[in-house]
Amino acid sequence: MIISSIQFTFSPEDADKARSLLRELRDASAKEPGVILFEVGQSSDEPNVFGLWEVYRDTDGFEAHRATEHFERLVLNGIRPMTKERIAKSLVPI
């Protein structure tokens, strides 16, 4: 099992667009066979800060996610160019 925790910070004027892209990413990613859980959250104190919690069955599931059309379109060409700060950690259960 692979767990990924990512925090994104966007400029305040990009928060609504980021929320829309992240919801679309969540909905598409949750349907992937290698995904156990894919959740998105938004900070109530800082509405331009979002968190992703992704749980994959294994490394193959993680790599398959990164090879999808929706990852390229929504993350590489949508979310990341707007990102002001990104903190990502890959974890394994203990």
PDB file of N, CA and C in Angstrom:
ATOM      1  N   MET A   1       0.843  -1.169   0.000  1.00  0.00           N
ATOM      2  CA  MET A   1       0.000   0.000   0.000  1.00  0.00           C
ATOM      3  C   MET A   1       0.893   1.238   0.000  1.00  0.00           C
ATOM      4  N   ILE A   2       0.502   2.223  -0.800  1.00  0.00           N
ATOM      5  CA  ILE A   2       1.204   3.506  -0.871  1.00  0.00           C
ATOM      6  C   ILE A   2       0.224   4.596  -0.459  1.00  0.00           C
ATOM      7  N   ILE A   3       0.635   5.458   0.438  1.00  0.00           N
ATOM      8  CA  ILE A   3      -0.176   6.583   0.886  1.00  0.00           C
ATOM      9  C   ILE A   3       0.525   7.860   0.457  1.00  0.00           C
ATOM     10  N   SER A   4      -0.220   8.760  -0.138  1.00  0.00           N
ATOM     11  CA  SER A   4       0.338  10.039  -0.550  1.00  0.00           C
ATOM     12  C   SER A   4      -0.454  11.151   0.123  1.00  0.00           C
ATOM     13  N   SER A   5       0.251  12.078   0.740  1.00  0.00           N
ATOM     14  CA  SER A   5      -0.357  13.234   1.387  1.00  0.00           C
ATOM     15  C   SER A   5       0.231  14.478   0.730  1.00  0.00           C
ATOM     16  N   ILE A   6      -0.628  15.320   0.187  1.00  0.00           N
ATOM     17  CA  ILE A   6      -0.157  16.509  -0.534  1.00  0.00           C
ATOM     18  C   ILE A   6      -0.935  17.717  -0.047  1.00  0.00           C
ATOM     19  N   GLN A   7      -0.213  18.793   0.215  1.00  0.00           N
ATOM     20  CA  GLN A   7      -0.842  20.070   0.551  1.00  0.00           C
ATOM     21  C   GLN A   7      -0.498  21.072  -0.536  1.00  0.00           C
ATOM     22  N   PHE A   8      -1.520  21.715  -1.079  1.00  0.00           N
ATOM     23  CA  PHE A   8      -1.351  22.740  -2.103  1.00  0.00           C
ATOM     24  C   PHE A   8      -1.793  24.084  -1.546  1.00  0.00           C
ATOM     25  N   THR A   9      -1.016  25.109  -1.830  1.00  0.00           N
ATOM     26  CA  THR A   9      -1.415  26.478  -1.532  1.00  0.00           C
ATOM     27  C   THR A   9      -1.504  27.228  -2.856  1.00  0.00           C
ATOM     28  N   PHE A  10      -2.629  27.902  -3.048  1.00  0.00           N
ATOM     29  CA  PHE A  10      -2.867  28.682  -4.251  1.00  0.00           C
ATOM     30  C   PHE A  10      -3.044  30.140  -3.863  1.00  0.00           C
ATOM     31  N   SER A  11      -2.958  31.029  -4.823  1.00  0.00           N
ATOM     32  CA  SER A  11      -3.292  32.422  -4.539  1.00  0.00           C
ATOM     33  C   SER A  11      -4.803  32.475  -4.286  1.00  0.00           C
ATOM     34  N   PRO A  12      -5.259  33.403  -3.455  1.00  0.00           N
ATOM     35  CA  PRO A  12      -6.684  33.468  -3.132  1.00  0.00           C
ATOM     36  C   PRO A  12      -7.593  33.552  -4.363  1.00  0.00           C
ATOM     37  N   GLU A  13      -7.150  34.247  -5.394  1.00  0.00           N
ATOM     38  CA  GLU A  13      -7.990  34.383  -6.589  1.00  0.00           C
ATOM     39  C   GLU A  13      -8.087  33.089  -7.395  1.00  0.00           C
ATOM     40  N   ASP A  14      -7.223  32.115  -7.134  1.00  0.00           N
ATOM     41  CA  ASP A  14      -7.268  30.830  -7.839  1.00  0.00           C
ATOM     42  C   ASP A  14      -7.986  29.735  -7.042  1.00  0.00           C
ATOM     43  N   ALA A  15      -8.448  30.035  -5.831  1.00  0.00           N
ATOM     44  CA  ALA A  15      -9.027  29.009  -4.952  1.00  0.00           C
ATOM     45  C   ALA A  15     -10.263  28.345  -5.564  1.00  0.00           C
ATOM     46  N   ASP A  16     -11.144  29.104  -6.163  1.00  0.00           N
ATOM     47  CA  ASP A  16     -12.358  28.513  -6.735  1.00  0.00           C
ATOM     48  C   ASP A  16     -12.025  27.577  -7.891  1.00  0.00           C
ATOM     49  N   LYS A  17     -11.116  27.999  -8.763  1.00  0.00           N
ATOM     50  CA  LYS A  17     -10.715  27.155  -9.890  1.00  0.00           C
ATOM     51  C   LYS A  17     -10.013  25.901  -9.382  1.00  0.00           C
ATOM     52  N   ALA A  18      -9.138  26.060  -8.389  1.00  0.00           N
ATOM     53  CA  ALA A  18      -8.437  24.914  -7.808  1.00  0.00           C
ATOM     54  C   ALA A  18      -9.434  23.924  -7.214  1.00  0.00           C
ATOM     55  N   ARG A  19     -10.437  24.404  -6.489  1.00  0.00           N
ATOM     56  CA  ARG A  19     -11.451  23.543  -5.888  1.00  0.00           C
ATOM     57  C   ARG A  19     -12.157  22.724  -6.971  1.00  0.00           C
ATOM     58  N   SER A  20     -12.506  23.364  -8.062  1.00  0.00           N
ATOM     59  CA  SER A  20     -13.184  22.675  -9.153  1.00  0.00           C
ATOM     60  C   SER A  20     -12.299  21.597  -9.785  1.00  0.00           C
ATOM     61  N   LEU A  21     -11.043  21.933 -10.044  1.00  0.00           N
ATOM     62  CA  LEU A  21     -10.109  20.961 -10.635  1.00  0.00           C
ATOM     63  C   LEU A  21      -9.848  19.796  -9.688  1.00  0.00           C
ATOM     64  N   LEU A  22      -9.687  20.087  -8.396  1.00  0.00           N
ATOM     65  CA  LEU A  22      -9.421  19.036  -7.416  1.00  0.00           C
ATOM     66  C   LEU A  22     -10.621  18.105  -7.248  1.00  0.00           C
ATOM     67  N   ARG A  23     -11.817  18.632  -7.300  1.00  0.00           N
ATOM     68  CA  ARG A  23     -13.014  17.784  -7.229  1.00  0.00           C
ATOM     69  C   ARG A  23     -13.095  16.866  -8.451  1.00  0.00           C
ATOM     70  N   GLU A  24     -12.811  17.435  -9.625  1.00  0.00           N
ATOM     71  CA  GLU A  24     -12.830  16.621 -10.845  1.00  0.00           C
ATOM     72  C   GLU A  24     -11.760  15.535 -10.767  1.00  0.00           C
ATOM     73  N   LEU A  25     -10.577  15.878 -10.266  1.00  0.00           N
ATOM     74  CA  LEU A  25      -9.499  14.904 -10.097  1.00  0.00           C
ATOM     75  C   LEU A  25      -9.916  13.808  -9.128  1.00  0.00           C
ATOM     76  N   ARG A  26     -10.516  14.180  -8.002  1.00  0.00           N
ATOM     77  CA  ARG A  26     -10.984  13.201  -7.016  1.00  0.00           C
ATOM     78  C   ARG A  26     -11.974  12.225  -7.640  1.00  0.00           C
ATOM     79  N   ASP A  27     -12.947  12.765  -8.357  1.00  0.00           N
ATOM     80  CA  ASP A  27     -13.992  11.920  -8.931  1.00  0.00           C
ATOM     81  C   ASP A  27     -13.438  10.952  -9.971  1.00  0.00           C
ATOM     82  N   ALA A  28     -12.508  11.412 -10.811  1.00  0.00           N
ATOM     83  CA  ALA A  28     -11.914  10.541 -11.828  1.00  0.00           C
ATOM     84  C   ALA A  28     -10.964   9.527 -11.202  1.00  0.00           C
ATOM     85  N   SER A  29     -10.162   9.962 -10.248  1.00  0.00           N
ATOM     86  CA  SER A  29      -9.153   9.093  -9.638  1.00  0.00           C
ATOM     87  C   SER A  29      -9.788   7.990  -8.799  1.00  0.00           C
ATOM     88  N   ALA A  30     -10.884   8.279  -8.137  1.00  0.00           N
ATOM     89  CA  ALA A  30     -11.551   7.289  -7.280  1.00  0.00           C
ATOM     90  C   ALA A  30     -12.043   6.086  -8.074  1.00  0.00           C
ATOM     91  N   LYS A  31     -12.198   6.229  -9.379  1.00  0.00           N
ATOM     92  CA  LYS A  31     -12.671   5.139 -10.238  1.00  0.00           C
ATOM     93  C   LYS A  31     -11.546   4.227 -10.721  1.00  0.00           C
ATOM     94  N   GLU A  32     -10.294   4.600 -10.481  1.00  0.00           N
ATOM     95  CA  GLU A  32      -9.160   3.803 -10.941  1.00  0.00           C
ATOM     96  C   GLU A  32      -9.069   2.504 -10.130  1.00  0.00           C
ATOM     97  N   PRO A  33      -8.751   1.390 -10.787  1.00  0.00           N
ATOM     98  CA  PRO A  33      -8.701   0.111 -10.067  1.00  0.00           C
ATOM     99  C   PRO A  33      -7.619   0.045  -8.992  1.00  0.00           C
ATOM    100  N   GLY A  34      -6.533   0.804  -9.128  1.00  0.00           N
ATOM    101  CA  GLY A  34      -5.455   0.757  -8.147  1.00  0.00           C
ATOM    102  C   GLY A  34      -5.624   1.723  -6.992  1.00  0.00           C
ATOM    103  N   VAL A  35      -6.728   2.477  -6.975  1.00  0.00           N
ATOM    104  CA  VAL A  35      -6.973   3.473  -5.929  1.00  0.00           C
ATOM    105  C   VAL A  35      -7.917   2.908  -4.872  1.00  0.00           C
ATOM    106  N   ILE A  36      -7.483   2.953  -3.619  1.00  0.00           N
ATOM    107  CA  ILE A  36      -8.321   2.549  -2.494  1.00  0.00           C
ATOM    108  C   ILE A  36      -9.116   3.748  -1.978  1.00  0.00           C
ATOM    109  N   LEU A  37      -8.461   4.903  -1.874  1.00  0.00           N
ATOM    110  CA  LEU A  37      -9.087   6.116  -1.352  1.00  0.00           C
ATOM    111  C   LEU A  37      -8.451   7.318  -2.029  1.00  0.00           C
ATOM    112  N   PHE A  38      -9.257   8.294  -2.365  1.00  0.00           N
ATOM    113  CA  PHE A  38      -8.753   9.545  -2.924  1.00  0.00           C
ATOM    114  C   PHE A  38      -9.669  10.651  -2.420  1.00  0.00           C
ATOM    115  N   GLU A  39      -9.178  11.442  -1.479  1.00  0.00           N
ATOM    116  CA  GLU A  39      -9.981  12.502  -0.867  1.00  0.00           C
ATOM    117  C   GLU A  39      -9.308  13.856  -0.991  1.00  0.00           C
ATOM    118  N   VAL A  40     -10.126  14.883  -1.023  1.00  0.00           N
ATOM    119  CA  VAL A  40      -9.661  16.265  -1.123  1.00  0.00           C
ATOM    120  C   VAL A  40     -10.302  17.052   0.003  1.00  0.00           C
ATOM    121  N   GLY A  41      -9.530  17.916   0.644  1.00  0.00           N
ATOM    122  CA  GLY A  41     -10.062  18.786   1.685  1.00  0.00           C
ATOM    123  C   GLY A  41      -9.605  20.212   1.475  1.00  0.00           C
ATOM    124  N   GLN A  42     -10.361  21.143   2.031  1.00  0.00           N
ATOM    125  CA  GLN A  42     -10.034  22.564   1.953  1.00  0.00           C
ATOM    126  C   GLN A  42      -9.966  23.119   3.364  1.00  0.00           C
ATOM    127  N   SER A  43      -8.946  23.909   3.633  1.00  0.00           N
ATOM    128  CA  SER A  43      -8.789  24.502   4.959  1.00  0.00           C
ATOM    129  C   SER A  43      -9.923  25.485   5.237  1.00  0.00           C
ATOM    130  N   SER A  44     -10.508  25.388   6.424  1.00  0.00           N
ATOM    131  CA  SER A  44     -11.544  26.347   6.807  1.00  0.00           C
ATOM    132  C   SER A  44     -10.933  27.676   7.242  1.00  0.00           C
ATOM    133  N   ASP A  45      -9.671  27.651   7.676  1.00  0.00           N
ATOM    134  CA  ASP A  45      -8.990  28.876   8.102  1.00  0.00           C
ATOM    135  C   ASP A  45      -8.319  29.608   6.940  1.00  0.00           C
ATOM    136  N   GLU A  46      -7.830  28.844   5.981  1.00  0.00           N
ATOM    137  CA  GLU A  46      -7.141  29.406   4.816  1.00  0.00           C
ATOM    138  C   GLU A  46      -7.762  28.787   3.561  1.00  0.00           C
ATOM    139  N   PRO A  47      -8.801  29.391   2.999  1.00  0.00           N
ATOM    140  CA  PRO A  47      -9.539  28.759   1.907  1.00  0.00           C
ATOM    141  C   PRO A  47      -8.756  28.573   0.611  1.00  0.00           C
ATOM    142  N   ASN A  48      -7.532  29.056   0.555  1.00  0.00           N
ATOM    143  CA  ASN A  48      -6.691  28.828  -0.621  1.00  0.00           C
ATOM    144  C   ASN A  48      -5.705  27.675  -0.394  1.00  0.00           C
ATOM    145  N   VAL A  49      -5.874  26.938   0.723  1.00  0.00           N
ATOM    146  CA  VAL A  49      -5.037  25.779   1.041  1.00  0.00           C
ATOM    147  C   VAL A  49      -5.900  24.519   0.971  1.00  0.00           C
ATOM    148  N   PHE A  50      -5.401  23.522   0.223  1.00  0.00           N
ATOM    149  CA  PHE A  50      -6.120  22.275   0.012  1.00  0.00           C
ATOM    150  C   PHE A  50      -5.214  21.099   0.350  1.00  0.00           C
ATOM    151  N   GLY A  51      -5.812  19.984   0.749  1.00  0.00           N
ATOM    152  CA  GLY A  51      -5.059  18.767   1.031  1.00  0.00           C
ATOM    153  C   GLY A  51      -5.627  17.599   0.259  1.00  0.00           C
ATOM    154  N   LEU A  52      -4.756  16.712  -0.181  1.00  0.00           N
ATOM    155  CA  LEU A  52      -5.149  15.474  -0.844  1.00  0.00           C
ATOM    156  C   LEU A  52      -4.632  14.314  -0.024  1.00  0.00           C
ATOM    157  N   TRP A  53      -5.469  13.275   0.132  1.00  0.00           N
ATOM    158  CA  TRP A  53      -5.080  12.020   0.767  1.00  0.00           C
ATOM    159  C   TRP A  53      -5.361  10.934  -0.243  1.00  0.00           C
ATOM    160  N   GLU A  54      -4.314  10.275  -0.685  1.00  0.00           N
ATOM    161  CA  GLU A  54      -4.430   9.266  -1.724  1.00  0.00           C
ATOM    162  C   GLU A  54      -3.880   7.941  -1.196  1.00  0.00           C
ATOM    163  N   VAL A  55      -4.634   6.884  -1.368  1.00  0.00           N
ATOM    164  CA  VAL A  55      -4.185   5.563  -0.937  1.00  0.00           C
ATOM    165  C   VAL A  55      -4.292   4.633  -2.148  1.00  0.00           C
ATOM    166  N   TYR A  56      -3.150   4.025  -2.490  1.00  0.00           N
ATOM    167  CA  TYR A  56      -3.055   3.128  -3.645  1.00  0.00           C
ATOM    168  C   TYR A  56      -2.779   1.709  -3.160  1.00  0.00           C
ATOM    169  N   ARG A  57      -3.259   0.735  -3.903  1.00  0.00           N
ATOM    170  CA  ARG A  57      -3.038  -0.677  -3.549  1.00  0.00           C
ATOM    171  C   ARG A  57      -1.557  -1.015  -3.508  1.00  0.00           C
ATOM    172  N   ASP A  58      -0.811  -0.436  -4.459  1.00  0.00           N
ATOM    173  CA  ASP A  58       0.620  -0.738  -4.565  1.00  0.00           C
ATOM    174  C   ASP A  58       1.276   0.279  -5.484  1.00  0.00           C
ATOM    175  N   THR A  59       2.565   0.088  -5.729  1.00  0.00           N
ATOM    176  CA  THR A  59       3.312   1.008  -6.590  1.00  0.00           C
ATOM    177  C   THR A  59       2.745   1.023  -8.004  1.00  0.00           C
ATOM    178  N   ASP A  60       2.296  -0.113  -8.496  1.00  0.00           N
ATOM    179  CA  ASP A  60       1.703  -0.154  -9.838  1.00  0.00           C
ATOM    180  C   ASP A  60       0.462   0.736  -9.916  1.00  0.00           C
ATOM    181  N   GLY A  61      -0.359   0.726  -8.885  1.00  0.00           N
ATOM    182  CA  GLY A  61      -1.539   1.580  -8.856  1.00  0.00           C
ATOM    183  C   GLY A  61      -1.177   3.053  -8.849  1.00  0.00           C
ATOM    184  N   PHE A  62      -0.130   3.380  -8.092  1.00  0.00           N
ATOM    185  CA  PHE A  62       0.354   4.769  -8.035  1.00  0.00           C
ATOM    186  C   PHE A  62       0.867   5.212  -9.396  1.00  0.00           C
ATOM    187  N   GLU A  63       1.675   4.369 -10.025  1.00  0.00           N
ATOM    188  CA  GLU A  63       2.229   4.701 -11.350  1.00  0.00           C
ATOM    189  C   GLU A  63       1.128   4.768 -12.401  1.00  0.00           C
ATOM    190  N   ALA A  64       0.148   3.886 -12.325  1.00  0.00           N
ATOM    191  CA  ALA A  64      -0.964   3.916 -13.280  1.00  0.00           C
ATOM    192  C   ALA A  64      -1.744   5.222 -13.148  1.00  0.00           C
ATOM    193  N   HIS A  65      -1.917   5.702 -11.927  1.00  0.00           N
ATOM    194  CA  HIS A  65      -2.605   6.974 -11.701  1.00  0.00           C
ATOM    195  C   HIS A  65      -1.870   8.111 -12.404  1.00  0.00           C
ATOM    196  N   ARG A  66      -0.556   8.137 -12.261  1.00  0.00           N
ATOM    197  CA  ARG A  66       0.244   9.209 -12.856  1.00  0.00           C
ATOM    198  C   ARG A  66       0.285   9.142 -14.382  1.00  0.00           C
ATOM    199  N   ALA A  67      -0.125   8.020 -14.947  1.00  0.00           N
ATOM    200  CA  ALA A  67      -0.123   7.854 -16.406  1.00  0.00           C
ATOM    201  C   ALA A  67      -1.494   8.141 -17.035  1.00  0.00           C
ATOM    202  N   THR A  68      -2.490   8.501 -16.226  1.00  0.00           N
ATOM    203  CA  THR A  68      -3.833   8.722 -16.767  1.00  0.00           C
ATOM    204  C   THR A  68      -3.945  10.063 -17.481  1.00  0.00           C
ATOM    205  N   GLU A  69      -4.924  10.125 -18.363  1.00  0.00           N
ATOM    206  CA  GLU A  69      -5.219  11.370 -19.075  1.00  0.00           C
ATOM    207  C   GLU A  69      -5.643  12.449 -18.093  1.00  0.00           C
ATOM    208  N   HIS A  70      -6.460  12.071 -17.097  1.00  0.00           N
ATOM    209  CA  HIS A  70      -6.942  13.090 -16.165  1.00  0.00           C
ATOM    210  C   HIS A  70      -5.823  13.626 -15.274  1.00  0.00           C
ATOM    211  N   PHE A  71      -4.809  12.826 -14.959  1.00  0.00           N
ATOM    212  CA  PHE A  71      -3.671  13.334 -14.183  1.00  0.00           C
ATOM    213  C   PHE A  71      -2.925  14.391 -14.996  1.00  0.00           C
ATOM    214  N   GLU A  72      -2.665  14.083 -16.244  1.00  0.00           N
ATOM    215  CA  GLU A  72      -1.949  15.047 -17.100  1.00  0.00           C
ATOM    216  C   GLU A  72      -2.757  16.334 -17.266  1.00  0.00           C
ATOM    217  N   ARG A  73      -4.026  16.192 -17.582  1.00  0.00           N
ATOM    218  CA  ARG A  73      -4.879  17.354 -17.851  1.00  0.00           C
ATOM    219  C   ARG A  73      -5.132  18.185 -16.591  1.00  0.00           C
ATOM    220  N   LEU A  74      -5.503  17.522 -15.505  1.00  0.00           N
ATOM    221  CA  LEU A  74      -5.910  18.256 -14.309  1.00  0.00           C
ATOM    222  C   LEU A  74      -4.756  18.651 -13.398  1.00  0.00           C
ATOM    223  N   VAL A  75      -3.762  17.773 -13.268  1.00  0.00           N
ATOM    224  CA  VAL A  75      -2.645  18.062 -12.356  1.00  0.00           C
ATOM    225  C   VAL A  75      -1.512  18.783 -13.081  1.00  0.00           C
ATOM    226  N   LEU A  76      -0.935  18.118 -14.065  1.00  0.00           N
ATOM    227  CA  LEU A  76       0.240  18.694 -14.728  1.00  0.00           C
ATOM    228  C   LEU A  76      -0.063  19.979 -15.485  1.00  0.00           C
ATOM    229  N   ASN A  77      -1.238  20.034 -16.119  1.00  0.00           N
ATOM    230  CA  ASN A  77      -1.566  21.211 -16.931  1.00  0.00           C
ATOM    231  C   ASN A  77      -2.570  22.151 -16.275  1.00  0.00           C
ATOM    232  N   GLY A  78      -3.095  21.789 -15.108  1.00  0.00           N
ATOM    233  CA  GLY A  78      -4.094  22.631 -14.451  1.00  0.00           C
ATOM    234  C   GLY A  78      -3.688  23.079 -13.064  1.00  0.00           C
ATOM    235  N   ILE A  79      -3.547  22.121 -12.155  1.00  0.00           N
ATOM    236  CA  ILE A  79      -3.300  22.436 -10.753  1.00  0.00           C
ATOM    237  C   ILE A  79      -1.876  22.929 -10.505  1.00  0.00           C
ATOM    238  N   ARG A  80      -0.901  22.178 -10.970  1.00  0.00           N
ATOM    239  CA  ARG A  80       0.491  22.546 -10.647  1.00  0.00           C
ATOM    240  C   ARG A  80       0.904  23.918 -11.173  1.00  0.00           C
ATOM    241  N   PRO A  81       0.511  24.322 -12.382  1.00  0.00           N
ATOM    242  CA  PRO A  81       0.910  25.670 -12.816  1.00  0.00           C
ATOM    243  C   PRO A  81       0.346  26.790 -11.935  1.00  0.00           C
ATOM    244  N   MET A  82      -0.777  26.556 -11.270  1.00  0.00           N
ATOM    245  CA  MET A  82      -1.376  27.569 -10.387  1.00  0.00           C
ATOM    246  C   MET A  82      -0.809  27.521  -8.970  1.00  0.00           C
ATOM    247  N   THR A  83      -0.109  26.453  -8.623  1.00  0.00           N
ATOM    248  CA  THR A  83       0.334  26.217  -7.255  1.00  0.00           C
ATOM    249  C   THR A  83       1.407  27.205  -6.815  1.00  0.00           C
ATOM    250  N   LYS A  84       1.197  27.790  -5.654  1.00  0.00           N
ATOM    251  CA  LYS A  84       2.198  28.673  -5.037  1.00  0.00           C
ATOM    252  C   LYS A  84       3.148  27.860  -4.167  1.00  0.00           C
ATOM    253  N   GLU A  85       2.612  26.826  -3.493  1.00  0.00           N
ATOM    254  CA  GLU A  85       3.433  25.946  -2.651  1.00  0.00           C
ATOM    255  C   GLU A  85       2.827  24.549  -2.686  1.00  0.00           C
ATOM    256  N   ARG A  86       3.706  23.551  -2.747  1.00  0.00           N
ATOM    257  CA  ARG A  86       3.271  22.154  -2.753  1.00  0.00           C
ATOM    258  C   ARG A  86       4.170  21.370  -1.805  1.00  0.00           C
ATOM    259  N   ILE A  87       3.541  20.684  -0.844  1.00  0.00           N
ATOM    260  CA  ILE A  87       4.274  19.829   0.091  1.00  0.00           C
ATOM    261  C   ILE A  87       3.710  18.427  -0.082  1.00  0.00           C
ATOM    262  N   ALA A  88       4.552  17.499  -0.526  1.00  0.00           N
ATOM    263  CA  ALA A  88       4.090  16.136  -0.808  1.00  0.00           C
ATOM    264  C   ALA A  88       4.934  15.131  -0.038  1.00  0.00           C
ATOM    265  N   LYS A  89       4.269  14.120   0.481  1.00  0.00           N
ATOM    266  CA  LYS A  89       4.930  13.021   1.182  1.00  0.00           C
ATOM    267  C   LYS A  89       4.327  11.716   0.711  1.00  0.00           C
ATOM    268  N   SER A  90       5.178  10.746   0.399  1.00  0.00           N
ATOM    269  CA  SER A  90       4.738   9.385   0.118  1.00  0.00           C
ATOM    270  C   SER A  90       5.055   8.549   1.339  1.00  0.00           C
ATOM    271  N   LEU A  91       4.092   7.743   1.768  1.00  0.00           N
ATOM    272  CA  LEU A  91       4.226   6.997   3.006  1.00  0.00           C
ATOM    273  C   LEU A  91       3.834   5.540   2.787  1.00  0.00           C
ATOM    274  N   VAL A  92       4.279   4.687   3.672  1.00  0.00           N
ATOM    275  CA  VAL A  92       3.847   3.290   3.683  1.00  0.00           C
ATOM    276  C   VAL A  92       3.324   2.991   5.083  1.00  0.00           C
ATOM    277  N   PRO A  93       2.324   2.119   5.189  1.00  0.00           N
ATOM    278  CA  PRO A  93       1.789   1.795   6.512  1.00  0.00           C
ATOM    279  C   PRO A  93       2.841   1.167   7.426  1.00  0.00           C
ATOM    280  N   ILE A  94       2.715   1.423   8.703  1.00  0.00           N
ATOM    281  CA  ILE A  94       3.632   0.822   9.688  1.00  0.00           C
ATOM    282  C   ILE A  94       2.843  -0.061  10.647  1.00  0.00           C
TER     283      ILE A  94
END
